[in-house]
Amino acid sequence: MIAAVTLACASARVQPAVRGPFTPGSVRRLYVLVDHRAAQVGCVDYGEMLRQALREALAQQKVENESNLMATTEPDAHLAAIRAYSADLVLVVRATGGRPGTTKFFPKCGSYILWYDPLSYDVTVFNSALDMRVWHASASNSGGGTSWQMRKRFRKMAVAIVERLRQDSVF
């Protein structure tokens, strides 16, 4: 019973942020880019899970947002989509790795997959031209590696990131 409770726990943390020049409260539309390739875990698309969690957390705070997974290391590849969306700011969340955790067999993939516990992230907000960083923090999450546990981890982290953005008057 105790093991089941321990496995079900998830935690998320956002480290102190650095804020640059921008007009607080002026953000109406936020474009979100997620890059999870530094902590890829086989056939499980954790980047998509995190993208969805951020989208939902922002929507709950009434922040209009569009999101996409990064296919390259450079956010500049998404400039056309950012401009077409008329984003005020761009939130880029990049997995930076973490401590290797447990390896588990996933029948769907037909292979063993290693996940990281905790996972660590660089979280940066840029202006819409991507030439000025206006907010920066680091984030992490931990607490198990099954799909439902990872969704819970990403939800908690997304809520923590959005709350920190709100506290720092980004929107």
N, C-alpha and C. Protein backbone atom coordinates (compact mmCIF):
# COMPACT_ATOMS: atom_id res chain seq x y z
N MET A 1 0.81 -1.20 0.00
CA MET A 1 0.00 0.00 0.00
C MET A 1 0.86 1.26 0.00
N ILE A 2 1.88 1.30 0.80
CA ILE A 2 2.75 2.47 0.85
C ILE A 2 3.46 2.66 -0.48
N ALA A 3 3.90 1.58 -1.11
CA ALA A 3 4.58 1.69 -2.41
C ALA A 3 3.66 2.31 -3.45
N ALA A 4 2.39 1.92 -3.43
CA ALA A 4 1.44 2.47 -4.40
C ALA A 4 1.25 3.97 -4.19
N VAL A 5 1.21 4.40 -2.94
CA VAL A 5 1.06 5.82 -2.66
C VAL A 5 2.31 6.57 -3.09
N THR A 6 3.47 6.01 -2.82
CA THR A 6 4.72 6.66 -3.20
C THR A 6 4.83 6.80 -4.72
N LEU A 7 4.46 5.77 -5.45
CA LEU A 7 4.54 5.83 -6.91
C LEU A 7 3.56 6.84 -7.49
N ALA A 8 2.44 7.07 -6.82
CA ALA A 8 1.43 7.97 -7.36
C ALA A 8 1.77 9.44 -7.15
N CYS A 9 2.76 9.74 -6.30
CA CYS A 9 3.13 11.12 -6.03
C CYS A 9 3.87 11.72 -7.22
N ALA A 10 3.62 12.96 -7.45
CA ALA A 10 4.34 13.69 -8.49
C ALA A 10 4.66 15.06 -7.94
N SER A 11 5.80 15.60 -8.32
CA SER A 11 6.14 16.93 -7.86
C SER A 11 6.71 17.74 -9.02
N ALA A 12 6.60 19.04 -8.88
CA ALA A 12 7.13 19.96 -9.88
C ALA A 12 7.68 21.17 -9.16
N ARG A 13 8.72 21.76 -9.73
CA ARG A 13 9.34 22.91 -9.10
C ARG A 13 9.82 23.87 -10.17
N VAL A 14 9.61 25.15 -9.94
CA VAL A 14 10.11 26.19 -10.83
C VAL A 14 11.07 27.04 -10.02
N GLN A 15 12.31 27.11 -10.48
CA GLN A 15 13.35 27.88 -9.79
C GLN A 15 13.13 29.37 -10.01
N PRO A 16 13.75 30.20 -9.19
CA PRO A 16 13.59 31.65 -9.34
C PRO A 16 13.81 32.11 -10.78
N ALA A 17 13.00 33.04 -11.17
CA ALA A 17 13.01 33.53 -12.55
C ALA A 17 13.81 34.82 -12.67
N VAL A 18 14.30 35.07 -13.87
CA VAL A 18 14.97 36.32 -14.21
C VAL A 18 14.07 37.01 -15.23
N ARG A 19 13.71 38.23 -14.96
CA ARG A 19 12.80 38.94 -15.84
C ARG A 19 13.52 40.08 -16.54
N GLY A 20 13.24 40.22 -17.82
CA GLY A 20 13.84 41.29 -18.62
C GLY A 20 12.81 42.35 -18.95
N PRO A 21 13.14 43.23 -19.90
CA PRO A 21 12.25 44.35 -20.21
C PRO A 21 11.03 43.92 -21.04
N PHE A 22 9.86 44.18 -20.53
CA PHE A 22 8.60 44.04 -21.26
C PHE A 22 7.54 44.73 -20.43
N THR A 23 6.40 44.96 -21.03
CA THR A 23 5.32 45.64 -20.33
C THR A 23 4.44 44.62 -19.64
N PRO A 24 4.48 44.56 -18.31
CA PRO A 24 3.66 43.58 -17.60
C PRO A 24 2.18 43.73 -17.93
N GLY A 25 1.52 42.60 -18.07
CA GLY A 25 0.09 42.58 -18.33
C GLY A 25 -0.30 42.84 -19.77
N SER A 26 0.67 43.01 -20.66
CA SER A 26 0.34 43.33 -22.05
C SER A 26 0.19 42.09 -22.93
N VAL A 27 0.36 40.92 -22.36
CA VAL A 27 0.32 39.69 -23.15
C VAL A 27 -1.12 39.22 -23.34
N ARG A 28 -1.52 39.14 -24.59
CA ARG A 28 -2.84 38.61 -24.93
C ARG A 28 -2.72 37.23 -25.54
N ARG A 29 -1.66 37.04 -26.34
CA ARG A 29 -1.47 35.78 -27.06
C ARG A 29 -0.06 35.26 -26.84
N LEU A 30 0.03 34.01 -26.47
CA LEU A 30 1.31 33.38 -26.17
C LEU A 30 1.51 32.19 -27.10
N TYR A 31 2.66 32.12 -27.74
CA TYR A 31 2.99 30.97 -28.58
C TYR A 31 3.94 30.10 -27.76
N VAL A 32 3.66 28.81 -27.69
CA VAL A 32 4.44 27.88 -26.86
C VAL A 32 5.17 26.87 -27.74
N LEU A 33 6.48 26.74 -27.51
CA LEU A 33 7.28 25.74 -28.20
C LEU A 33 7.85 24.79 -27.16
N VAL A 34 7.71 23.48 -27.41
CA VAL A 34 8.21 22.46 -26.50
C VAL A 34 9.25 21.61 -27.22
N ASP A 35 10.41 21.48 -26.60
CA ASP A 35 11.48 20.64 -27.12
C ASP A 35 11.83 19.61 -26.06
N HIS A 36 11.45 18.37 -26.30
CA HIS A 36 11.69 17.31 -25.32
C HIS A 36 12.71 16.30 -25.82
N ARG A 37 13.46 16.64 -26.87
CA ARG A 37 14.38 15.67 -27.46
C ARG A 37 15.58 15.33 -26.58
N ALA A 38 15.96 16.19 -25.66
CA ALA A 38 17.12 15.91 -24.80
C ALA A 38 16.82 14.79 -23.80
N ALA A 39 15.56 14.48 -23.60
CA ALA A 39 15.17 13.41 -22.68
C ALA A 39 14.16 12.50 -23.38
N GLN A 40 14.52 12.08 -24.58
CA GLN A 40 13.63 11.22 -25.38
C GLN A 40 13.55 9.85 -24.72
N VAL A 41 12.37 9.27 -24.73
CA VAL A 41 12.15 7.99 -24.06
C VAL A 41 11.50 6.98 -24.98
N GLY A 42 12.06 6.78 -26.16
CA GLY A 42 11.54 5.77 -27.07
C GLY A 42 10.27 6.21 -27.75
N CYS A 43 9.28 5.32 -27.78
CA CYS A 43 8.06 5.61 -28.53
C CYS A 43 7.06 6.46 -27.76
N VAL A 44 7.31 6.73 -26.49
CA VAL A 44 6.39 7.54 -25.69
C VAL A 44 6.67 9.01 -25.99
N ASP A 45 5.66 9.75 -26.40
CA ASP A 45 5.83 11.14 -26.80
C ASP A 45 5.59 12.07 -25.62
N TYR A 46 6.62 12.21 -24.76
CA TYR A 46 6.50 13.08 -23.61
C TYR A 46 6.42 14.55 -24.00
N GLY A 47 7.01 14.90 -25.13
CA GLY A 47 6.90 16.27 -25.60
C GLY A 47 5.45 16.66 -25.85
N GLU A 48 4.70 15.76 -26.45
CA GLU A 48 3.28 16.01 -26.70
C GLU A 48 2.50 16.10 -25.39
N MET A 49 2.84 15.25 -24.44
CA MET A 49 2.16 15.30 -23.12
C MET A 49 2.40 16.66 -22.46
N LEU A 50 3.65 17.13 -22.51
CA LEU A 50 3.98 18.42 -21.90
C LEU A 50 3.31 19.56 -22.66
N ARG A 51 3.32 19.50 -23.97
CA ARG A 51 2.67 20.54 -24.78
C ARG A 51 1.20 20.67 -24.42
N GLN A 52 0.53 19.54 -24.31
CA GLN A 52 -0.90 19.53 -23.97
C GLN A 52 -1.14 20.07 -22.55
N ALA A 53 -0.27 19.69 -21.61
CA ALA A 53 -0.42 20.18 -20.23
C ALA A 53 -0.25 21.69 -20.16
N LEU A 54 0.72 22.23 -20.89
CA LEU A 54 0.92 23.68 -20.90
C LEU A 54 -0.26 24.39 -21.55
N ARG A 55 -0.74 23.83 -22.64
CA ARG A 55 -1.89 24.42 -23.33
C ARG A 55 -3.10 24.52 -22.40
N GLU A 56 -3.36 23.42 -21.66
CA GLU A 56 -4.50 23.40 -20.74
C GLU A 56 -4.30 24.34 -19.56
N ALA A 57 -3.09 24.38 -19.00
CA ALA A 57 -2.82 25.26 -17.85
C ALA A 57 -2.97 26.72 -18.25
N LEU A 58 -2.49 27.08 -19.43
CA LEU A 58 -2.64 28.46 -19.91
C LEU A 58 -4.11 28.79 -20.18
N ALA A 59 -4.84 27.86 -20.78
CA ALA A 59 -6.26 28.09 -21.07
C ALA A 59 -7.06 28.28 -19.78
N GLN A 60 -6.71 27.54 -18.74
CA GLN A 60 -7.41 27.69 -17.46
C GLN A 60 -7.21 29.09 -16.88
N GLN A 61 -6.07 29.72 -17.21
CA GLN A 61 -5.79 31.07 -16.74
C GLN A 61 -6.25 32.12 -17.75
N LYS A 62 -7.00 31.67 -18.75
CA LYS A 62 -7.57 32.56 -19.78
C LYS A 62 -6.49 33.23 -20.63
N VAL A 63 -5.37 32.52 -20.84
CA VAL A 63 -4.31 33.01 -21.72
C VAL A 63 -4.49 32.33 -23.07
N GLU A 64 -4.78 33.12 -24.08
CA GLU A 64 -4.93 32.57 -25.43
C GLU A 64 -3.56 32.07 -25.87
N ASN A 65 -3.51 30.82 -26.36
CA ASN A 65 -2.20 30.26 -26.72
C ASN A 65 -2.30 29.27 -27.85
N GLU A 66 -1.19 29.17 -28.54
CA GLU A 66 -1.01 28.18 -29.61
C GLU A 66 0.30 27.49 -29.27
N SER A 67 0.39 26.19 -29.54
CA SER A 67 1.61 25.49 -29.17
C SER A 67 2.04 24.52 -30.26
N ASN A 68 3.32 24.19 -30.21
CA ASN A 68 3.90 23.30 -31.20
C ASN A 68 5.12 22.62 -30.61
N LEU A 69 5.45 21.45 -31.14
CA LEU A 69 6.67 20.76 -30.76
C LEU A 69 7.79 21.27 -31.64
N MET A 70 8.98 21.44 -31.07
CA MET A 70 10.12 21.89 -31.84
C MET A 70 10.76 20.70 -32.54
N ALA A 71 10.94 20.83 -33.85
CA ALA A 71 11.57 19.76 -34.63
C ALA A 71 13.06 20.02 -34.81
N THR A 72 13.49 21.24 -34.54
CA THR A 72 14.91 21.59 -34.63
C THR A 72 15.31 22.23 -33.30
N THR A 73 16.57 22.44 -33.12
CA THR A 73 17.03 23.06 -31.88
C THR A 73 16.79 24.57 -31.87
N GLU A 74 16.51 25.15 -33.00
CA GLU A 74 16.33 26.59 -33.09
C GLU A 74 14.87 26.98 -33.15
N PRO A 75 14.42 27.83 -32.22
CA PRO A 75 13.04 28.31 -32.29
C PRO A 75 12.77 29.17 -33.51
N ASP A 76 13.84 29.74 -34.13
CA ASP A 76 13.67 30.59 -35.32
C ASP A 76 12.94 29.88 -36.45
N ALA A 77 13.03 28.56 -36.49
CA ALA A 77 12.33 27.80 -37.53
C ALA A 77 10.82 27.97 -37.44
N HIS A 78 10.33 28.48 -36.31
CA HIS A 78 8.90 28.65 -36.10
C HIS A 78 8.45 30.10 -36.24
N LEU A 79 9.34 30.98 -36.69
CA LEU A 79 9.01 32.41 -36.78
C LEU A 79 7.78 32.68 -37.63
N ALA A 80 7.64 32.00 -38.75
CA ALA A 80 6.48 32.24 -39.62
C ALA A 80 5.17 31.91 -38.89
N ALA A 81 5.15 30.80 -38.17
CA ALA A 81 3.94 30.42 -37.41
C ALA A 81 3.69 31.40 -36.27
N ILE A 82 4.74 31.85 -35.62
CA ILE A 82 4.61 32.82 -34.52
C ILE A 82 4.03 34.12 -35.04
N ARG A 83 4.54 34.58 -36.19
CA ARG A 83 4.02 35.82 -36.79
C ARG A 83 2.58 35.65 -37.25
N ALA A 84 2.28 34.51 -37.88
CA ALA A 84 0.91 34.27 -38.35
C ALA A 84 -0.08 34.25 -37.19
N TYR A 85 0.36 33.78 -36.04
CA TYR A 85 -0.51 33.73 -34.86
C TYR A 85 -0.61 35.10 -34.18
N SER A 86 0.26 36.02 -34.52
CA SER A 86 0.33 37.35 -33.89
C SER A 86 0.59 37.25 -32.39
N ALA A 87 1.56 36.41 -32.04
CA ALA A 87 1.89 36.20 -30.64
C ALA A 87 2.55 37.44 -30.04
N ASP A 88 2.21 37.74 -28.79
CA ASP A 88 2.87 38.82 -28.07
C ASP A 88 4.22 38.37 -27.53
N LEU A 89 4.25 37.13 -27.01
CA LEU A 89 5.47 36.54 -26.49
C LEU A 89 5.52 35.07 -26.87
N VAL A 90 6.72 34.48 -26.75
CA VAL A 90 6.92 33.08 -27.08
C VAL A 90 7.52 32.38 -25.86
N LEU A 91 6.86 31.33 -25.41
CA LEU A 91 7.34 30.51 -24.30
C LEU A 91 8.03 29.28 -24.88
N VAL A 92 9.32 29.09 -24.55
CA VAL A 92 10.07 27.93 -25.03
C VAL A 92 10.44 27.08 -23.82
N VAL A 93 9.99 25.83 -23.84
CA VAL A 93 10.29 24.89 -22.75
C VAL A 93 11.12 23.77 -23.34
N ARG A 94 12.37 23.65 -22.85
CA ARG A 94 13.30 22.65 -23.38
C ARG A 94 13.70 21.69 -22.28
N ALA A 95 13.54 20.40 -22.55
CA ALA A 95 14.08 19.40 -21.63
C ALA A 95 15.59 19.47 -21.71
N THR A 96 16.23 19.49 -20.57
CA THR A 96 17.70 19.54 -20.54
C THR A 96 18.28 18.24 -20.01
N GLY A 97 17.42 17.28 -19.70
CA GLY A 97 17.88 15.98 -19.22
C GLY A 97 17.41 15.71 -17.81
N GLY A 98 18.23 15.02 -17.07
CA GLY A 98 17.90 14.65 -15.71
C GLY A 98 18.68 13.44 -15.32
N ARG A 99 18.40 12.93 -14.17
CA ARG A 99 19.09 11.74 -13.70
C ARG A 99 18.38 10.52 -14.26
N PRO A 100 19.12 9.62 -14.92
CA PRO A 100 18.47 8.42 -15.44
C PRO A 100 17.74 7.67 -14.33
N GLY A 101 16.53 7.26 -14.63
CA GLY A 101 15.71 6.54 -13.65
C GLY A 101 15.62 5.07 -13.98
N THR A 102 14.44 4.56 -13.93
CA THR A 102 14.19 3.14 -14.11
C THR A 102 13.98 2.78 -15.57
N THR A 103 14.34 1.58 -15.92
CA THR A 103 14.07 1.06 -17.26
C THR A 103 12.88 0.13 -17.14
N LYS A 104 11.92 0.28 -18.03
CA LYS A 104 10.69 -0.51 -17.98
C LYS A 104 10.37 -1.01 -19.38
N PHE A 105 9.81 -2.20 -19.47
CA PHE A 105 9.42 -2.75 -20.77
C PHE A 105 8.05 -2.21 -21.16
N PHE A 106 7.96 -1.67 -22.37
CA PHE A 106 6.70 -1.18 -22.90
C PHE A 106 6.28 -2.06 -24.06
N PRO A 107 5.26 -2.90 -23.87
CA PRO A 107 4.84 -3.80 -24.96
C PRO A 107 4.47 -3.05 -26.24
N LYS A 108 3.87 -1.86 -26.09
CA LYS A 108 3.46 -1.07 -27.26
C LYS A 108 4.67 -0.76 -28.15
N CYS A 109 5.81 -0.51 -27.52
CA CYS A 109 7.03 -0.18 -28.26
C CYS A 109 7.83 -1.42 -28.60
N GLY A 110 7.61 -2.48 -27.84
CA GLY A 110 8.39 -3.69 -28.03
C GLY A 110 9.82 -3.54 -27.56
N SER A 111 10.04 -2.60 -26.61
CA SER A 111 11.40 -2.39 -26.13
C SER A 111 11.37 -1.84 -24.71
N TYR A 112 12.57 -1.81 -24.13
CA TYR A 112 12.73 -1.20 -22.81
C TYR A 112 12.97 0.29 -23.00
N ILE A 113 12.42 1.07 -22.11
CA ILE A 113 12.55 2.52 -22.20
C ILE A 113 13.06 3.04 -20.86
N LEU A 114 14.03 3.92 -20.93
CA LEU A 114 14.57 4.57 -19.75
C LEU A 114 13.89 5.92 -19.60
N TRP A 115 13.41 6.22 -18.41
CA TRP A 115 12.92 7.57 -18.17
C TRP A 115 13.81 8.22 -17.14
N TYR A 116 13.67 9.50 -17.01
CA TYR A 116 14.52 10.28 -16.12
C TYR A 116 13.71 10.73 -14.91
N ASP A 117 14.33 10.71 -13.76
CA ASP A 117 13.66 11.15 -12.55
C ASP A 117 14.68 11.83 -11.66
N PRO A 118 14.68 13.11 -11.51
CA PRO A 118 13.74 14.05 -12.09
C PRO A 118 14.14 14.45 -13.51
N LEU A 119 13.18 15.02 -14.22
CA LEU A 119 13.44 15.63 -15.52
C LEU A 119 13.67 17.11 -15.27
N SER A 120 14.62 17.70 -15.97
CA SER A 120 14.89 19.12 -15.78
C SER A 120 14.67 19.88 -17.10
N TYR A 121 14.32 21.15 -16.96
CA TYR A 121 13.91 21.98 -18.11
C TYR A 121 14.46 23.38 -18.00
N ASP A 122 14.71 23.98 -19.16
CA ASP A 122 14.99 25.39 -19.29
C ASP A 122 13.69 26.02 -19.79
N VAL A 123 13.21 27.04 -19.12
CA VAL A 123 11.95 27.69 -19.48
C VAL A 123 12.25 29.17 -19.76
N THR A 124 12.01 29.57 -21.00
CA THR A 124 12.36 30.93 -21.40
C THR A 124 11.20 31.57 -22.16
N VAL A 125 10.98 32.84 -21.89
CA VAL A 125 10.00 33.62 -22.65
C VAL A 125 10.78 34.64 -23.46
N PHE A 126 10.51 34.66 -24.77
CA PHE A 126 11.13 35.60 -25.70
C PHE A 126 10.07 36.57 -26.22
N ASN A 127 10.54 37.69 -26.77
CA ASN A 127 9.62 38.55 -27.51
C ASN A 127 9.23 37.80 -28.79
N SER A 128 8.27 38.31 -29.51
CA SER A 128 7.75 37.58 -30.68
C SER A 128 8.75 37.48 -31.83
N ALA A 129 9.78 38.31 -31.85
CA ALA A 129 10.81 38.22 -32.89
C ALA A 129 11.91 37.24 -32.48
N LEU A 130 11.84 36.72 -31.29
CA LEU A 130 12.81 35.77 -30.73
C LEU A 130 14.21 36.36 -30.61
N ASP A 131 14.31 37.68 -30.53
CA ASP A 131 15.63 38.28 -30.42
C ASP A 131 15.91 38.88 -29.04
N MET A 132 14.95 38.74 -28.10
CA MET A 132 15.18 39.25 -26.75
C MET A 132 14.50 38.33 -25.73
N ARG A 133 15.29 37.88 -24.77
CA ARG A 133 14.74 37.07 -23.68
C ARG A 133 14.15 38.00 -22.64
N VAL A 134 12.88 37.77 -22.29
CA VAL A 134 12.22 38.66 -21.33
C VAL A 134 11.94 37.97 -19.99
N TRP A 135 12.10 36.66 -19.93
CA TRP A 135 11.86 35.93 -18.68
C TRP A 135 12.55 34.59 -18.79
N HIS A 136 13.14 34.13 -17.69
CA HIS A 136 13.85 32.85 -17.73
C HIS A 136 13.76 32.17 -16.37
N ALA A 137 13.57 30.86 -16.39
CA ALA A 137 13.55 30.06 -15.17
C ALA A 137 13.98 28.64 -15.52
N SER A 138 14.22 27.85 -14.51
CA SER A 138 14.44 26.42 -14.73
C SER A 138 13.34 25.70 -13.97
N ALA A 139 12.97 24.52 -14.46
CA ALA A 139 11.89 23.75 -13.84
C ALA A 139 12.29 22.29 -13.82
N SER A 140 11.63 21.54 -12.96
CA SER A 140 11.87 20.10 -12.92
C SER A 140 10.60 19.41 -12.43
N ASN A 141 10.53 18.12 -12.72
CA ASN A 141 9.43 17.32 -12.21
C ASN A 141 9.94 15.93 -11.90
N SER A 142 9.25 15.23 -11.01
CA SER A 142 9.63 13.87 -10.65
C SER A 142 8.41 13.12 -10.16
N GLY A 143 8.54 11.79 -10.07
CA GLY A 143 7.45 11.04 -9.47
C GLY A 143 6.91 9.86 -10.24
N GLY A 144 7.72 9.09 -10.91
CA GLY A 144 7.23 7.89 -11.59
C GLY A 144 7.25 8.04 -13.09
N GLY A 145 7.19 6.92 -13.80
CA GLY A 145 7.36 6.99 -15.24
C GLY A 145 6.32 6.30 -16.08
N THR A 146 5.23 5.81 -15.49
CA THR A 146 4.19 5.25 -16.34
C THR A 146 3.48 6.40 -17.03
N SER A 147 2.73 6.13 -18.06
CA SER A 147 2.09 7.21 -18.83
C SER A 147 1.22 8.09 -17.95
N TRP A 148 0.39 7.51 -17.10
CA TRP A 148 -0.49 8.35 -16.27
C TRP A 148 0.31 9.14 -15.25
N GLN A 149 1.42 8.58 -14.75
CA GLN A 149 2.25 9.33 -13.81
C GLN A 149 2.95 10.48 -14.51
N MET A 150 3.40 10.25 -15.74
CA MET A 150 4.06 11.31 -16.49
C MET A 150 3.07 12.43 -16.82
N ARG A 151 1.85 12.08 -17.18
CA ARG A 151 0.84 13.12 -17.44
C ARG A 151 0.63 13.97 -16.20
N LYS A 152 0.57 13.31 -15.04
CA LYS A 152 0.39 14.02 -13.78
C LYS A 152 1.59 14.93 -13.50
N ARG A 153 2.80 14.42 -13.74
CA ARG A 153 4.01 15.23 -13.56
C ARG A 153 3.98 16.46 -14.45
N PHE A 154 3.62 16.26 -15.72
CA PHE A 154 3.59 17.38 -16.65
C PHE A 154 2.50 18.39 -16.30
N ARG A 155 1.35 17.90 -15.85
CA ARG A 155 0.27 18.81 -15.43
C ARG A 155 0.75 19.69 -14.28
N LYS A 156 1.37 19.07 -13.27
CA LYS A 156 1.84 19.83 -12.12
C LYS A 156 2.90 20.84 -12.53
N MET A 157 3.81 20.44 -13.39
CA MET A 157 4.85 21.35 -13.81
C MET A 157 4.27 22.49 -14.65
N ALA A 158 3.35 22.19 -15.54
CA ALA A 158 2.73 23.22 -16.37
C ALA A 158 2.01 24.24 -15.49
N VAL A 159 1.28 23.78 -14.51
CA VAL A 159 0.57 24.68 -13.59
C VAL A 159 1.58 25.53 -12.83
N ALA A 160 2.69 24.93 -12.39
CA ALA A 160 3.72 25.68 -11.66
C ALA A 160 4.36 26.75 -12.54
N ILE A 161 4.62 26.42 -13.80
CA ILE A 161 5.21 27.39 -14.73
C ILE A 161 4.24 28.55 -14.96
N VAL A 162 2.99 28.23 -15.24
CA VAL A 162 1.99 29.26 -15.52
C VAL A 162 1.77 30.14 -14.28
N GLU A 163 1.75 29.53 -13.12
CA GLU A 163 1.58 30.30 -11.88
C GLU A 163 2.76 31.26 -11.69
N ARG A 164 3.97 30.79 -11.96
CA ARG A 164 5.15 31.65 -11.82
C ARG A 164 5.11 32.79 -12.83
N LEU A 165 4.69 32.50 -14.06
CA LEU A 165 4.55 33.55 -15.06
C LEU A 165 3.55 34.60 -14.59
N ARG A 166 2.46 34.15 -13.99
CA ARG A 166 1.44 35.07 -13.47
C ARG A 166 2.01 35.90 -12.30
N GLN A 167 2.69 35.23 -11.37
CA GLN A 167 3.29 35.94 -10.23
C GLN A 167 4.28 37.00 -10.69
N ASP A 168 5.01 36.70 -11.75
CA ASP A 168 6.00 37.64 -12.27
C ASP A 168 5.40 38.64 -13.26
N SER A 169 4.09 38.70 -13.32
CA SER A 169 3.34 39.65 -14.16
C SER A 169 3.65 39.56 -15.64
N VAL A 170 3.96 38.36 -16.12
CA VAL A 170 4.18 38.19 -17.55
C VAL A 170 2.84 38.31 -18.28
N PHE A 171 1.77 37.83 -17.65
CA PHE A 171 0.40 38.03 -18.17
C PHE A 171 -0.55 38.20 -17.04
